[in-house]
Protein backbone atom coordinates (compact mmCIF):
# COMPACT_ATOMS: atom_id res chain seq x y z
CA UNK A 1 0.00 0.00 0.00
CA UNK A 2 2.87 2.38 0.77
CA UNK A 3 4.22 1.75 -2.72
CA UNK A 4 0.90 2.85 -4.23
CA UNK A 5 0.78 5.93 -1.99
CA UNK A 6 4.30 6.80 -3.14
CA UNK A 7 3.21 6.31 -6.75
CA UNK A 8 0.21 8.60 -6.12
CA UNK A 9 2.54 11.26 -4.73
CA UNK A 10 4.74 11.03 -7.83
CA UNK A 11 1.65 11.30 -10.03
CA UNK A 12 0.63 14.50 -8.30
CA UNK A 13 4.06 16.03 -8.89
CA UNK A 14 3.14 16.67 -12.52
CA UNK A 15 5.88 14.50 -14.04
CA UNK A 16 3.35 12.51 -16.06
CA UNK A 17 1.40 15.21 -17.85
CA UNK A 18 -1.03 17.82 -16.73
CA UNK A 19 -0.40 18.59 -13.08
CA UNK A 20 -4.10 19.15 -12.36
CA UNK A 21 -5.11 15.86 -13.95
CA UNK A 22 -2.33 13.99 -12.18
CA UNK A 23 -3.31 15.59 -8.87
CA UNK A 24 -6.93 14.57 -9.39
CA UNK A 25 -5.96 10.96 -10.13
CA UNK A 26 -3.56 10.88 -7.19
CA UNK A 27 -6.22 12.27 -4.84
CA UNK A 28 -8.72 9.65 -5.98
CA UNK A 29 -6.15 6.89 -5.57
CA UNK A 30 -5.24 8.05 -2.05
CA UNK A 31 -8.93 8.17 -1.08
CA UNK A 32 -9.49 4.68 -2.49
CA UNK A 33 -6.44 3.34 -0.62
CA UNK A 34 -7.63 4.90 2.65
CA UNK A 35 -11.03 3.27 2.12
CA UNK A 36 -9.38 -0.09 1.44
CA UNK A 37 -7.25 0.24 4.59
CA UNK A 38 -10.38 1.07 6.60
CA UNK A 39 -12.24 -1.93 5.16
CA UNK A 40 -9.35 -4.22 6.11
CA UNK A 41 -9.22 -2.76 9.63
CA UNK A 42 -12.96 -3.26 10.14
CA UNK A 43 -12.70 -6.82 8.80
CA UNK A 44 -10.00 -7.53 11.44
CA UNK A 45 -12.17 -5.99 14.16
CA UNK A 46 -15.11 -8.14 13.10
CA UNK A 47 -12.97 -11.27 13.11
CA UNK A 48 -11.75 -10.35 16.60
CA UNK A 49 -15.39 -10.46 17.74
CA UNK A 50 -15.51 -14.15 16.81
CA UNK A 51 -12.57 -14.85 19.11
CA UNK A 52 -14.29 -13.40 22.17
CA UNK A 53 -15.88 -15.83 24.60
CA UNK A 54 -19.47 -15.67 25.79
CA UNK A 55 -18.54 -13.85 29.01
CA UNK A 56 -16.40 -11.31 27.16
CA UNK A 57 -19.24 -10.60 24.76
CA UNK A 58 -21.63 -10.19 27.68
CA UNK A 59 -19.20 -7.68 29.22
CA UNK A 60 -19.53 -5.47 26.15
CA UNK A 61 -23.26 -6.08 25.79
CA UNK A 62 -23.15 -8.18 22.62
CA UNK A 63 -24.94 -11.49 22.04
CA UNK A 64 -23.05 -14.31 20.32
CA UNK A 65 -25.52 -14.35 17.42
CA UNK A 66 -25.03 -10.61 16.89
CA UNK A 67 -21.25 -11.02 16.97
CA UNK A 68 -21.46 -13.76 14.32
CA UNK A 69 -23.73 -11.63 12.12
CA UNK A 70 -21.37 -8.65 12.43
CA UNK A 71 -18.32 -10.80 11.69
CA UNK A 72 -19.86 -12.14 8.49
CA UNK A 73 -20.81 -8.78 7.00
CA UNK A 74 -19.26 -8.04 3.63
CA UNK A 75 -15.92 -6.29 3.22
CA UNK A 76 -17.54 -3.15 1.79
CA UNK A 77 -20.41 -3.13 4.31
CA UNK A 78 -18.81 -0.36 6.34
CA UNK A 79 -20.30 1.78 9.11
CA UNK A 80 -21.15 5.15 7.59
CA UNK A 81 -19.68 7.12 10.50
CA UNK A 82 -16.30 5.40 10.02
CA UNK A 83 -16.26 6.20 6.29
CA UNK A 84 -17.14 9.86 6.98
CA UNK A 85 -14.13 10.10 9.31
CA UNK A 86 -11.88 9.56 6.28
CA UNK A 87 -13.07 12.79 4.64
PDB file of N, CA and C in Angstrom:
ATOM      1  N   UNK A   1       0.832  -1.181   0.000  1.00  0.00           N
ATOM      2  CA  UNK A   1       0.000   0.000   0.000  1.00  0.00           C
ATOM      3  C   UNK A   1       0.880   1.249   0.000  1.00  0.00           C
ATOM      4  N   UNK A   2       1.975   1.221   0.750  1.00  0.00           N
ATOM      5  CA  UNK A   2       2.873   2.384   0.769  1.00  0.00           C
ATOM      6  C   UNK A   2       3.443   2.657  -0.618  1.00  0.00           C
ATOM      7  N   UNK A   3       3.703   1.594  -1.364  1.00  0.00           N
ATOM      8  CA  UNK A   3       4.221   1.755  -2.720  1.00  0.00           C
ATOM      9  C   UNK A   3       3.205   2.503  -3.583  1.00  0.00           C
ATOM     10  N   UNK A   4       1.928   2.147  -3.457  1.00  0.00           N
ATOM     11  CA  UNK A   4       0.898   2.846  -4.228  1.00  0.00           C
ATOM     12  C   UNK A   4       0.750   4.291  -3.788  1.00  0.00           C
ATOM     13  N   UNK A   5       0.862   4.547  -2.474  1.00  0.00           N
ATOM     14  CA  UNK A   5       0.781   5.928  -1.990  1.00  0.00           C
ATOM     15  C   UNK A   5       1.949   6.737  -2.545  1.00  0.00           C
ATOM     16  N   UNK A   6       3.135   6.131  -2.580  1.00  0.00           N
ATOM     17  CA  UNK A   6       4.304   6.798  -3.141  1.00  0.00           C
ATOM     18  C   UNK A   6       4.080   7.087  -4.625  1.00  0.00           C
ATOM     19  N   UNK A   7       3.503   6.116  -5.327  1.00  0.00           N
ATOM     20  CA  UNK A   7       3.207   6.311  -6.745  1.00  0.00           C
ATOM     21  C   UNK A   7       2.221   7.466  -6.911  1.00  0.00           C
ATOM     22  N   UNK A   8       1.198   7.523  -6.043  1.00  0.00           N
ATOM     23  CA  UNK A   8       0.210   8.603  -6.120  1.00  0.00           C
ATOM     24  C   UNK A   8       0.877   9.950  -5.892  1.00  0.00           C
ATOM     25  N   UNK A   9       1.824  10.013  -4.973  1.00  0.00           N
ATOM     26  CA  UNK A   9       2.545  11.262  -4.727  1.00  0.00           C
ATOM     27  C   UNK A   9       3.349  11.676  -5.959  1.00  0.00           C
ATOM     28  N   UNK A  10       3.980  10.701  -6.623  1.00  0.00           N
ATOM     29  CA  UNK A  10       4.742  11.026  -7.834  1.00  0.00           C
ATOM     30  C   UNK A  10       3.809  11.512  -8.937  1.00  0.00           C
ATOM     31  N   UNK A  11       2.613  10.881  -9.018  1.00  0.00           N
ATOM     32  CA  UNK A  11       1.647  11.296 -10.029  1.00  0.00           C
ATOM     33  C   UNK A  11       1.246  12.753  -9.824  1.00  0.00           C
ATOM     34  N   UNK A  12       1.095  13.145  -8.578  1.00  0.00           N
ATOM     35  CA  UNK A  12       0.634  14.504  -8.295  1.00  0.00           C
ATOM     36  C   UNK A  12       1.735  15.536  -8.488  1.00  0.00           C
ATOM     37  N   UNK A  13       2.965  15.082  -8.705  1.00  0.00           N
ATOM     38  CA  UNK A  13       4.061  16.031  -8.886  1.00  0.00           C
ATOM     39  C   UNK A  13       4.045  16.659 -10.281  1.00  0.00           C
ATOM     40  N   UNK A  14       3.249  16.094 -11.188  1.00  0.00           N
ATOM     41  CA  UNK A  14       3.144  16.669 -12.519  1.00  0.00           C
ATOM     42  C   UNK A  14       4.141  16.100 -13.517  1.00  0.00           C
ATOM     43  N   UNK A  15       4.890  15.065 -13.128  1.00  0.00           N
ATOM     44  CA  UNK A  15       5.875  14.502 -14.044  1.00  0.00           C
ATOM     45  C   UNK A  15       5.230  13.747 -15.196  1.00  0.00           C
ATOM     46  N   UNK A  16       3.973  13.368 -15.066  1.00  0.00           N
ATOM     47  CA  UNK A  16       3.352  12.505 -16.058  1.00  0.00           C
ATOM     48  C   UNK A  16       2.267  13.211 -16.856  1.00  0.00           C
ATOM     49  N   UNK A  17       2.397  14.488 -17.079  1.00  0.00           N
ATOM     50  CA  UNK A  17       1.404  15.210 -17.853  1.00  0.00           C
ATOM     51  C   UNK A  17       0.841  16.361 -17.069  1.00  0.00           C
ATOM     52  N   UNK A  18      -0.371  16.699 -17.377  1.00  0.00           N
ATOM     53  CA  UNK A  18      -1.034  17.823 -16.730  1.00  0.00           C
ATOM     54  C   UNK A  18      -1.028  17.653 -15.216  1.00  0.00           C
ATOM     55  N   UNK A  19      -0.514  18.659 -14.536  1.00  0.00           N
ATOM     56  CA  UNK A  19      -0.405  18.586 -13.079  1.00  0.00           C
ATOM     57  C   UNK A  19      -1.782  18.473 -12.425  1.00  0.00           C
ATOM     58  N   UNK A  20      -2.761  19.208 -12.944  1.00  0.00           N
ATOM     59  CA  UNK A  20      -4.097  19.154 -12.362  1.00  0.00           C
ATOM     60  C   UNK A  20      -4.714  17.770 -12.522  1.00  0.00           C
ATOM     61  N   UNK A  21      -4.561  17.186 -13.704  1.00  0.00           N
ATOM     62  CA  UNK A  21      -5.107  15.856 -13.949  1.00  0.00           C
ATOM     63  C   UNK A  21      -4.403  14.822 -13.079  1.00  0.00           C
ATOM     64  N   UNK A  22      -3.094  14.922 -13.009  1.00  0.00           N
ATOM     65  CA  UNK A  22      -2.325  13.994 -12.181  1.00  0.00           C
ATOM     66  C   UNK A  22      -2.721  14.133 -10.715  1.00  0.00           C
ATOM     67  N   UNK A  23      -2.914  15.361 -10.263  1.00  0.00           N
ATOM     68  CA  UNK A  23      -3.311  15.590  -8.868  1.00  0.00           C
ATOM     69  C   UNK A  23      -4.679  14.968  -8.596  1.00  0.00           C
ATOM     70  N   UNK A  24      -5.593  15.133  -9.536  1.00  0.00           N
ATOM     71  CA  UNK A  24      -6.933  14.570  -9.391  1.00  0.00           C
ATOM     72  C   UNK A  24      -6.881  13.048  -9.283  1.00  0.00           C
ATOM     73  N   UNK A  25      -6.103  12.418 -10.166  1.00  0.00           N
ATOM     74  CA  UNK A  25      -5.959  10.960 -10.129  1.00  0.00           C
ATOM     75  C   UNK A  25      -5.290  10.521  -8.834  1.00  0.00           C
ATOM     76  N   UNK A  26      -4.277  11.227  -8.423  1.00  0.00           N
ATOM     77  CA  UNK A  26      -3.559  10.881  -7.195  1.00  0.00           C
ATOM     78  C   UNK A  26      -4.473  11.020  -5.982  1.00  0.00           C
ATOM     79  N   UNK A  27      -5.282  12.072  -5.953  1.00  0.00           N
ATOM     80  CA  UNK A  27      -6.219  12.269  -4.838  1.00  0.00           C
ATOM     81  C   UNK A  27      -7.232  11.131  -4.769  1.00  0.00           C
ATOM     82  N   UNK A  28      -7.753  10.752  -5.941  1.00  0.00           N
ATOM     83  CA  UNK A  28      -8.717   9.650  -5.976  1.00  0.00           C
ATOM     84  C   UNK A  28      -8.081   8.343  -5.522  1.00  0.00           C
ATOM     85  N   UNK A  29      -6.853   8.112  -5.955  1.00  0.00           N
ATOM     86  CA  UNK A  29      -6.149   6.890  -5.567  1.00  0.00           C
ATOM     87  C   UNK A  29      -5.902   6.868  -4.059  1.00  0.00           C
ATOM     88  N   UNK A  30      -5.473   7.992  -3.506  1.00  0.00           N
ATOM     89  CA  UNK A  30      -5.239   8.055  -2.054  1.00  0.00           C
ATOM     90  C   UNK A  30      -6.536   7.801  -1.281  1.00  0.00           C
ATOM     91  N   UNK A  31      -7.638   8.371  -1.744  1.00  0.00           N
ATOM     92  CA  UNK A  31      -8.934   8.166  -1.080  1.00  0.00           C
ATOM     93  C   UNK A  31      -9.333   6.694  -1.143  1.00  0.00           C
ATOM     94  N   UNK A  32      -9.156   6.086  -2.290  1.00  0.00           N
ATOM     95  CA  UNK A  32      -9.490   4.678  -2.489  1.00  0.00           C
ATOM     96  C   UNK A  32      -8.624   3.803  -1.595  1.00  0.00           C
ATOM     97  N   UNK A  33      -7.339   4.119  -1.475  1.00  0.00           N
ATOM     98  CA  UNK A  33      -6.443   3.337  -0.621  1.00  0.00           C
ATOM     99  C   UNK A  33      -6.794   3.496   0.854  1.00  0.00           C
ATOM    100  N   UNK A  34      -7.196   4.701   1.255  1.00  0.00           N
ATOM    101  CA  UNK A  34      -7.632   4.900   2.648  1.00  0.00           C
ATOM    102  C   UNK A  34      -8.896   4.086   2.925  1.00  0.00           C
ATOM    103  N   UNK A  35      -9.806   4.050   1.959  1.00  0.00           N
ATOM    104  CA  UNK A  35     -11.030   3.273   2.117  1.00  0.00           C
ATOM    105  C   UNK A  35     -10.710   1.779   2.209  1.00  0.00           C
ATOM    106  N   UNK A  36      -9.794   1.315   1.390  1.00  0.00           N
ATOM    107  CA  UNK A  36      -9.379  -0.085   1.436  1.00  0.00           C
ATOM    108  C   UNK A  36      -8.742  -0.419   2.785  1.00  0.00           C
ATOM    109  N   UNK A  37      -7.883   0.462   3.280  1.00  0.00           N
ATOM    110  CA  UNK A  37      -7.253   0.239   4.585  1.00  0.00           C
ATOM    111  C   UNK A  37      -8.308   0.193   5.690  1.00  0.00           C
ATOM    112  N   UNK A  38      -9.303   1.070   5.614  1.00  0.00           N
ATOM    113  CA  UNK A  38     -10.382   1.067   6.604  1.00  0.00           C
ATOM    114  C   UNK A  38     -11.166  -0.240   6.527  1.00  0.00           C
ATOM    115  N   UNK A  39     -11.487  -0.685   5.327  1.00  0.00           N
ATOM    116  CA  UNK A  39     -12.239  -1.933   5.155  1.00  0.00           C
ATOM    117  C   UNK A  39     -11.476  -3.111   5.753  1.00  0.00           C
ATOM    118  N   UNK A  40     -10.167  -3.143   5.537  1.00  0.00           N
ATOM    119  CA  UNK A  40      -9.352  -4.220   6.105  1.00  0.00           C
ATOM    120  C   UNK A  40      -9.321  -4.142   7.626  1.00  0.00           C
ATOM    121  N   UNK A  41      -9.230  -2.941   8.181  1.00  0.00           N
ATOM    122  CA  UNK A  41      -9.221  -2.759   9.634  1.00  0.00           C
ATOM    123  C   UNK A  41     -10.542  -3.235  10.243  1.00  0.00           C
ATOM    124  N   UNK A  42     -11.648  -2.857   9.630  1.00  0.00           N
ATOM    125  CA  UNK A  42     -12.959  -3.260  10.143  1.00  0.00           C
ATOM    126  C   UNK A  42     -13.135  -4.768  10.029  1.00  0.00           C
ATOM    127  N   UNK A  43     -12.632  -5.361   8.958  1.00  0.00           N
ATOM    128  CA  UNK A  43     -12.695  -6.819   8.805  1.00  0.00           C
ATOM    129  C   UNK A  43     -11.944  -7.497   9.946  1.00  0.00           C
ATOM    130  N   UNK A  44     -10.763  -6.968  10.307  1.00  0.00           N
ATOM    131  CA  UNK A  44     -10.000  -7.530  11.436  1.00  0.00           C
ATOM    132  C   UNK A  44     -10.785  -7.385  12.738  1.00  0.00           C
ATOM    133  N   UNK A  45     -11.387  -6.222  12.948  1.00  0.00           N
ATOM    134  CA  UNK A  45     -12.175  -5.994  14.164  1.00  0.00           C
ATOM    135  C   UNK A  45     -13.343  -6.972  14.243  1.00  0.00           C
ATOM    136  N   UNK A  46     -13.981  -7.212  13.120  1.00  0.00           N
ATOM    137  CA  UNK A  46     -15.111  -8.142  13.100  1.00  0.00           C
ATOM    138  C   UNK A  46     -14.649  -9.567  13.373  1.00  0.00           C
ATOM    139  N   UNK A  47     -13.501  -9.940  12.838  1.00  0.00           N
ATOM    140  CA  UNK A  47     -12.970 -11.274  13.112  1.00  0.00           C
ATOM    141  C   UNK A  47     -12.585 -11.416  14.583  1.00  0.00           C
ATOM    142  N   UNK A  48     -12.085 -10.335  15.173  1.00  0.00           N
ATOM    143  CA  UNK A  48     -11.749 -10.351  16.602  1.00  0.00           C
ATOM    144  C   UNK A  48     -12.981 -10.642  17.450  1.00  0.00           C
ATOM    145  N   UNK A  49     -14.144 -10.176  17.016  1.00  0.00           N
ATOM    146  CA  UNK A  49     -15.386 -10.461  17.742  1.00  0.00           C
ATOM    147  C   UNK A  49     -15.626 -11.962  17.859  1.00  0.00           C
ATOM    148  N   UNK A  50     -15.294 -12.697  16.792  1.00  0.00           N
ATOM    149  CA  UNK A  50     -15.507 -14.146  16.809  1.00  0.00           C
ATOM    150  C   UNK A  50     -14.622 -14.844  17.832  1.00  0.00           C
ATOM    151  N   UNK A  51     -13.509 -14.231  18.171  1.00  0.00           N
ATOM    152  CA  UNK A  51     -12.571 -14.846  19.107  1.00  0.00           C
ATOM    153  C   UNK A  51     -12.937 -14.589  20.564  1.00  0.00           C
ATOM    154  N   UNK A  52     -13.882 -13.692  20.804  1.00  0.00           N
ATOM    155  CA  UNK A  52     -14.291 -13.403  22.174  1.00  0.00           C
ATOM    156  C   UNK A  52     -15.202 -14.510  22.697  1.00  0.00           C
ATOM    157  N   UNK A  53     -15.029 -14.829  23.964  1.00  0.00           N
ATOM    158  CA  UNK A  53     -15.885 -15.825  24.602  1.00  0.00           C
ATOM    159  C   UNK A  53     -17.221 -15.223  24.992  1.00  0.00           C
ATOM    160  N   UNK A  54     -18.122 -16.106  25.430  1.00  0.00           N
ATOM    161  CA  UNK A  54     -19.472 -15.671  25.794  1.00  0.00           C
ATOM    162  C   UNK A  54     -19.447 -14.613  26.894  1.00  0.00           C
ATOM    163  N   UNK A  55     -18.603 -14.813  27.905  1.00  0.00           N
ATOM    164  CA  UNK A  55     -18.542 -13.853  29.009  1.00  0.00           C
ATOM    165  C   UNK A  55     -17.965 -12.507  28.555  1.00  0.00           C
ATOM    166  N   UNK A  56     -16.976 -12.557  27.673  1.00  0.00           N
ATOM    167  CA  UNK A  56     -16.397 -11.307  27.163  1.00  0.00           C
ATOM    168  C   UNK A  56     -17.428 -10.530  26.342  1.00  0.00           C
ATOM    169  N   UNK A  57     -18.188 -11.253  25.542  1.00  0.00           N
ATOM    170  CA  UNK A  57     -19.237 -10.601  24.756  1.00  0.00           C
ATOM    171  C   UNK A  57     -20.301  -9.997  25.670  1.00  0.00           C
ATOM    172  N   UNK A  58     -20.650 -10.720  26.727  1.00  0.00           N
ATOM    173  CA  UNK A  58     -21.628 -10.186  27.682  1.00  0.00           C
ATOM    174  C   UNK A  58     -21.109  -8.906  28.325  1.00  0.00           C
ATOM    175  N   UNK A  59     -19.798  -8.875  28.604  1.00  0.00           N
ATOM    176  CA  UNK A  59     -19.200  -7.684  29.219  1.00  0.00           C
ATOM    177  C   UNK A  59     -19.383  -6.439  28.353  1.00  0.00           C
ATOM    178  N   UNK A  60     -19.373  -6.627  27.039  1.00  0.00           N
ATOM    179  CA  UNK A  60     -19.527  -5.471  26.149  1.00  0.00           C
ATOM    180  C   UNK A  60     -20.957  -5.340  25.624  1.00  0.00           C
ATOM    181  N   UNK A  61     -21.848  -6.188  26.140  1.00  0.00           N
ATOM    182  CA  UNK A  61     -23.263  -6.080  25.788  1.00  0.00           C
ATOM    183  C   UNK A  61     -23.621  -6.590  24.409  1.00  0.00           C
ATOM    184  N   UNK A  62     -22.909  -7.629  23.955  1.00  0.00           N
ATOM    185  CA  UNK A  62     -23.153  -8.181  22.622  1.00  0.00           C
ATOM    186  C   UNK A  62     -23.509  -9.659  22.757  1.00  0.00           C
ATOM    187  N   UNK A  63     -24.570 -10.074  22.074  1.00  0.00           N
ATOM    188  CA  UNK A  63     -24.943 -11.486  22.043  1.00  0.00           C
ATOM    189  C   UNK A  63     -24.074 -12.216  21.020  1.00  0.00           C
ATOM    190  N   UNK A  64     -23.870 -13.523  21.249  1.00  0.00           N
ATOM    191  CA  UNK A  64     -23.051 -14.310  20.321  1.00  0.00           C
ATOM    192  C   UNK A  64     -23.603 -14.263  18.898  1.00  0.00           C
ATOM    193  N   UNK A  65     -24.904 -14.374  18.758  1.00  0.00           N
ATOM    194  CA  UNK A  65     -25.518 -14.352  17.418  1.00  0.00           C
ATOM    195  C   UNK A  65     -25.246 -13.019  16.721  1.00  0.00           C
ATOM    196  N   UNK A  66     -25.312 -11.928  17.472  1.00  0.00           N
ATOM    197  CA  UNK A  66     -25.029 -10.607  16.889  1.00  0.00           C
ATOM    198  C   UNK A  66     -23.567 -10.494  16.477  1.00  0.00           C
ATOM    199  N   UNK A  67     -22.679 -11.051  17.293  1.00  0.00           N
ATOM    200  CA  UNK A  67     -21.249 -11.022  16.967  1.00  0.00           C
ATOM    201  C   UNK A  67     -20.983 -11.805  15.686  1.00  0.00           C
ATOM    202  N   UNK A  68     -21.629 -12.964  15.543  1.00  0.00           N
ATOM    203  CA  UNK A  68     -21.457 -13.763  14.319  1.00  0.00           C
ATOM    204  C   UNK A  68     -21.984 -13.013  13.099  1.00  0.00           C
ATOM    205  N   UNK A  69     -23.163 -12.394  13.249  1.00  0.00           N
ATOM    206  CA  UNK A  69     -23.727 -11.631  12.122  1.00  0.00           C
ATOM    207  C   UNK A  69     -22.798 -10.488  11.723  1.00  0.00           C
ATOM    208  N   UNK A  70     -22.273  -9.771  12.708  1.00  0.00           N
ATOM    209  CA  UNK A  70     -21.366  -8.652  12.429  1.00  0.00           C
ATOM    210  C   UNK A  70     -20.101  -9.145  11.743  1.00  0.00           C
ATOM    211  N   UNK A  71     -19.569 -10.264  12.238  1.00  0.00           N
ATOM    212  CA  UNK A  71     -18.316 -10.797  11.694  1.00  0.00           C
ATOM    213  C   UNK A  71     -18.462 -11.260  10.249  1.00  0.00           C
ATOM    214  N   UNK A  72     -19.658 -11.626   9.852  1.00  0.00           N
ATOM    215  CA  UNK A  72     -19.860 -12.138   8.495  1.00  0.00           C
ATOM    216  C   UNK A  72     -20.403 -11.091   7.523  1.00  0.00           C
ATOM    217  N   UNK A  73     -20.404  -9.840   7.931  1.00  0.00           N
ATOM    218  CA  UNK A  73     -20.808  -8.777   7.002  1.00  0.00           C
ATOM    219  C   UNK A  73     -19.754  -8.656   5.903  1.00  0.00           C
ATOM    220  N   UNK A  74     -20.160  -8.159   4.773  1.00  0.00           N
ATOM    221  CA  UNK A  74     -19.263  -8.039   3.631  1.00  0.00           C
ATOM    222  C   UNK A  74     -18.152  -7.015   3.849  1.00  0.00           C
ATOM    223  N   UNK A  75     -17.081  -7.168   3.095  1.00  0.00           N
ATOM    224  CA  UNK A  75     -15.916  -6.289   3.219  1.00  0.00           C
ATOM    225  C   UNK A  75     -16.287  -4.826   3.022  1.00  0.00           C
ATOM    226  N   UNK A  76     -17.188  -4.540   2.087  1.00  0.00           N
ATOM    227  CA  UNK A  76     -17.542  -3.152   1.794  1.00  0.00           C
ATOM    228  C   UNK A  76     -18.774  -2.678   2.556  1.00  0.00           C
ATOM    229  N   UNK A  77     -19.282  -3.513   3.458  1.00  0.00           N
ATOM    230  CA  UNK A  77     -20.413  -3.129   4.307  1.00  0.00           C
ATOM    231  C   UNK A  77     -19.836  -2.408   5.529  1.00  0.00           C
ATOM    232  N   UNK A  78     -19.524  -1.132   5.329  1.00  0.00           N
ATOM    233  CA  UNK A  78     -18.807  -0.356   6.340  1.00  0.00           C
ATOM    234  C   UNK A  78     -19.743   0.597   7.077  1.00  0.00           C
ATOM    235  N   UNK A  79     -19.498   0.794   8.374  1.00  0.00           N
ATOM    236  CA  UNK A  79     -20.301   1.776   9.106  1.00  0.00           C
ATOM    237  C   UNK A  79     -20.099   3.173   8.516  1.00  0.00           C
ATOM    238  N   UNK A  80     -21.199   3.845   8.248  1.00  0.00           N
ATOM    239  CA  UNK A  80     -21.145   5.153   7.589  1.00  0.00           C
ATOM    240  C   UNK A  80     -20.301   6.159   8.372  1.00  0.00           C
ATOM    241  N   UNK A  81     -20.424   6.134   9.703  1.00  0.00           N
ATOM    242  CA  UNK A  81     -19.675   7.118  10.499  1.00  0.00           C
ATOM    243  C   UNK A  81     -18.166   6.899  10.395  1.00  0.00           C
ATOM    244  N   UNK A  82     -17.733   5.670  10.175  1.00  0.00           N
ATOM    245  CA  UNK A  82     -16.298   5.404  10.016  1.00  0.00           C
ATOM    246  C   UNK A  82     -15.808   5.897   8.659  1.00  0.00           C
ATOM    247  N   UNK A  83     -16.630   5.736   7.626  1.00  0.00           N
ATOM    248  CA  UNK A  83     -16.261   6.204   6.288  1.00  0.00           C
ATOM    249  C   UNK A  83     -16.181   7.725   6.282  1.00  0.00           C
ATOM    250  N   UNK A  84     -17.131   8.392   6.942  1.00  0.00           N
ATOM    251  CA  UNK A  84     -17.135   9.855   6.981  1.00  0.00           C
ATOM    252  C   UNK A  84     -15.896  10.406   7.679  1.00  0.00           C
ATOM    253  N   UNK A  85     -15.332   9.653   8.616  1.00  0.00           N
ATOM    254  CA  UNK A  85     -14.127  10.102   9.315  1.00  0.00           C
ATOM    255  C   UNK A  85     -12.932  10.212   8.372  1.00  0.00           C
ATOM    256  N   UNK A  86     -12.978   9.510   7.248  1.00  0.00           N
ATOM    257  CA  UNK A  86     -11.881   9.565   6.276  1.00  0.00           C
ATOM    258  C   UNK A  86     -11.843  10.900   5.547  1.00  0.00           C
ATOM    259  N   UNK A  87     -12.976  11.580   5.463  1.00  0.00           N
ATOM    260  CA  UNK A  87     -13.067  12.789   4.643  1.00  0.00           C
ATOM    261  C   UNK A  87     -12.662  14.012   5.408  1.00  0.00           C
TER     262      UNK A  87
END
